[in-house]
Structures are given as structure tokens and as C-alpha cells.
Amino acid sequence: MYGYIFETTNKKTGDKYIGKRLAVTFDKNYFGEAEDEKLAVAIEKYGRPSFEVKMLMPFESADALESVFAEMKKPAKKEEKKVEEKVPEAEEPEVKPARGRKKKTAEEE
């Protein structure tokens, strides 16, 4: 194993942090606080016993690890609300009077 991507979870709040580590074995005591300032602050606030770490994916190459990690760290795109186009209801076609002679109705005849 070249390295791995791991997830550190705050058991009190449910907050999750994703990290990567170059190592040949998984270390359950490595939370990644040195690389993630927000995680370091949370560990200081809640204490190390409030966190657990698990390996998500092992990797055999630097390229694969870096590529997958970069994708995982991209901010999630908010789903754009689809605005449904309002289709106008079928309208009665407008009847325009003919030019010239006015057509007589049945009552006028």
C-alpha cells in the first residue's frame, strides 16, 4: 500500500473530515489534525476520545491517491432547482373579422 484516504468523525456532532496519508499501514490513531485546521480546532474543543477514524480507500500509487482525493475534496455543487416552464394553456384562437364584406349571420338573412 502506498497510502490511503481516511475519514475522521466527531462522535458527538457527526461532523466528518476527509484526509489522506502516505503510509504503508493504516494508523487508527492518526486523525489528520496536522493537515486540517478545522479538525485540529474540533479535537481541541471536544477531545481526542470524541473522534474515530476509518480508512475509506487504500492506494498503490501517488497519482491514483491524489486524483481521487482531489475529487473528494471538491465542494459539492448545489443542485440547481429546475424551474419548470409554464406552458400557457391552449387558448381559443382569436377570430378576426374578414376584410371587406361582412358576412351575414343566419338571423340577418
Protein backbone atom coordinates (compact mmCIF):
# COMPACT_ATOMS: atom_id res chain seq x y z
CA MET A 1 0.00 0.00 0.00
CA TYR A 2 1.28 3.45 -0.94
CA GLY A 3 -1.21 5.47 1.10
CA TYR A 4 -4.87 5.83 1.94
CA ILE A 5 -7.81 8.19 2.21
CA PHE A 6 -9.46 8.24 5.60
CA GLU A 7 -12.46 9.77 7.35
CA THR A 8 -12.31 11.22 10.86
CA THR A 9 -15.71 11.50 12.55
CA ASN A 10 -16.68 13.56 15.58
CA LYS A 11 -18.90 11.13 17.50
CA LYS A 12 -20.60 13.97 19.41
CA THR A 13 -21.54 16.19 16.46
CA GLY A 14 -21.42 13.82 13.50
CA ASP A 15 -19.03 16.14 11.63
CA LYS A 16 -16.79 14.29 9.17
CA TYR A 17 -13.36 15.22 7.87
CA ILE A 18 -11.63 13.63 4.89
CA GLY A 19 -7.87 13.27 4.79
CA LYS A 20 -5.06 11.41 3.05
CA ARG A 21 -1.91 9.83 4.36
CA LEU A 22 1.16 8.37 2.74
CA ALA A 23 1.84 5.23 4.73
CA VAL A 24 2.23 1.51 4.18
CA THR A 25 -0.19 0.64 7.01
CA PHE A 26 -3.37 2.18 8.43
CA ASP A 27 -2.91 4.04 11.73
CA LYS A 28 -6.13 4.22 13.75
CA ASN A 29 -4.59 6.93 15.96
CA TYR A 30 -3.82 9.32 13.10
CA PHE A 31 -6.75 11.75 12.71
CA GLY A 32 -5.13 14.22 10.32
CA GLU A 33 -5.39 17.25 12.58
CA ALA A 34 -1.98 18.50 11.43
CA GLU A 35 -3.31 18.97 7.87
CA ASP A 36 -6.84 20.19 8.67
CA GLU A 37 -7.11 23.30 10.83
CA LYS A 38 -10.86 22.90 11.38
CA LEU A 39 -10.31 19.35 12.58
CA ALA A 40 -7.49 20.48 14.90
CA VAL A 41 -9.82 23.06 16.49
CA ALA A 42 -12.58 20.47 16.89
CA ILE A 43 -10.22 17.96 18.52
CA GLU A 44 -9.05 20.65 20.92
CA LYS A 45 -12.67 21.54 21.76
CA TYR A 46 -14.13 18.01 22.09
CA GLY A 47 -11.04 15.94 22.96
CA ARG A 48 -9.47 13.02 21.08
CA PRO A 49 -11.79 10.39 22.61
CA SER A 50 -14.72 12.08 20.80
CA PHE A 51 -13.25 11.14 17.42
CA GLU A 52 -12.81 7.97 15.45
CA VAL A 53 -11.05 7.34 12.18
CA LYS A 54 -11.60 4.77 9.45
CA MET A 55 -9.84 4.06 6.19
CA LEU A 56 -12.01 4.69 3.15
CA MET A 57 -9.66 3.59 0.34
CA PRO A 58 -6.13 2.24 0.09
CA PHE A 59 -3.96 3.20 -2.90
CA GLU A 60 -0.95 1.71 -4.62
CA SER A 61 0.18 4.88 -6.41
CA ALA A 62 0.53 8.58 -5.73
CA ASP A 63 -1.34 9.54 -8.89
CA ALA A 64 -4.40 7.48 -8.01
CA LEU A 65 -4.43 8.75 -4.41
CA GLU A 66 -4.08 12.40 -5.41
CA SER A 67 -6.66 12.15 -8.18
CA VAL A 68 -9.36 10.57 -6.02
CA PHE A 69 -8.59 12.82 -3.05
CA ALA A 70 -8.88 15.95 -5.21
CA GLU A 71 -12.32 14.82 -6.42
CA MET A 72 -13.49 14.08 -2.89
CA LYS A 73 -12.40 17.48 -1.61
CA LYS A 74 -14.18 19.45 -4.31
CA PRO A 75 -17.09 21.36 -2.86
CA ALA A 76 -20.36 19.68 -3.60
CA LYS A 77 -22.35 21.51 -6.23
CA LYS A 78 -25.74 22.57 -5.06
CA GLU A 79 -28.45 21.06 -7.13
CA GLU A 80 -29.93 23.75 -9.24
CA LYS A 81 -33.62 23.97 -8.82
CA LYS A 82 -35.22 23.19 -12.09
CA VAL A 83 -37.66 25.90 -12.95
CA GLU A 84 -40.50 24.36 -14.80
CA GLU A 85 -41.56 26.46 -17.71
CA LYS A 86 -45.18 27.34 -17.52
CA VAL A 87 -46.79 26.25 -20.71
CA PRO A 88 -49.71 28.52 -21.48
CA GLU A 89 -52.97 26.73 -21.57
CA ALA A 90 -54.42 26.27 -25.01
CA GLU A 91 -56.37 29.37 -25.83
CA GLU A 92 -59.21 29.70 -28.23
CA PRO A 93 -57.82 31.09 -31.45
CA GLU A 94 -58.77 34.70 -31.95
CA VAL A 95 -61.26 35.03 -34.76
CA LYS A 96 -60.74 38.20 -36.72
CA PRO A 97 -63.49 39.62 -38.90
CA ALA A 98 -62.91 39.25 -42.60
CA ARG A 99 -61.98 42.36 -44.51
CA GLY A 100 -64.41 43.85 -46.86
CA ARG A 101 -67.90 42.45 -46.81
CA LYS A 102 -69.32 41.49 -43.53
CA LYS A 103 -70.73 38.01 -43.57
CA LYS A 104 -74.37 37.91 -42.65
CA THR A 105 -75.44 35.74 -39.82
CA ALA A 106 -78.35 33.35 -40.11
CA GLU A 107 -80.62 35.77 -38.25
CA GLU A 108 -79.78 38.67 -40.56
CA GLU A 109 -80.67 36.75 -43.70
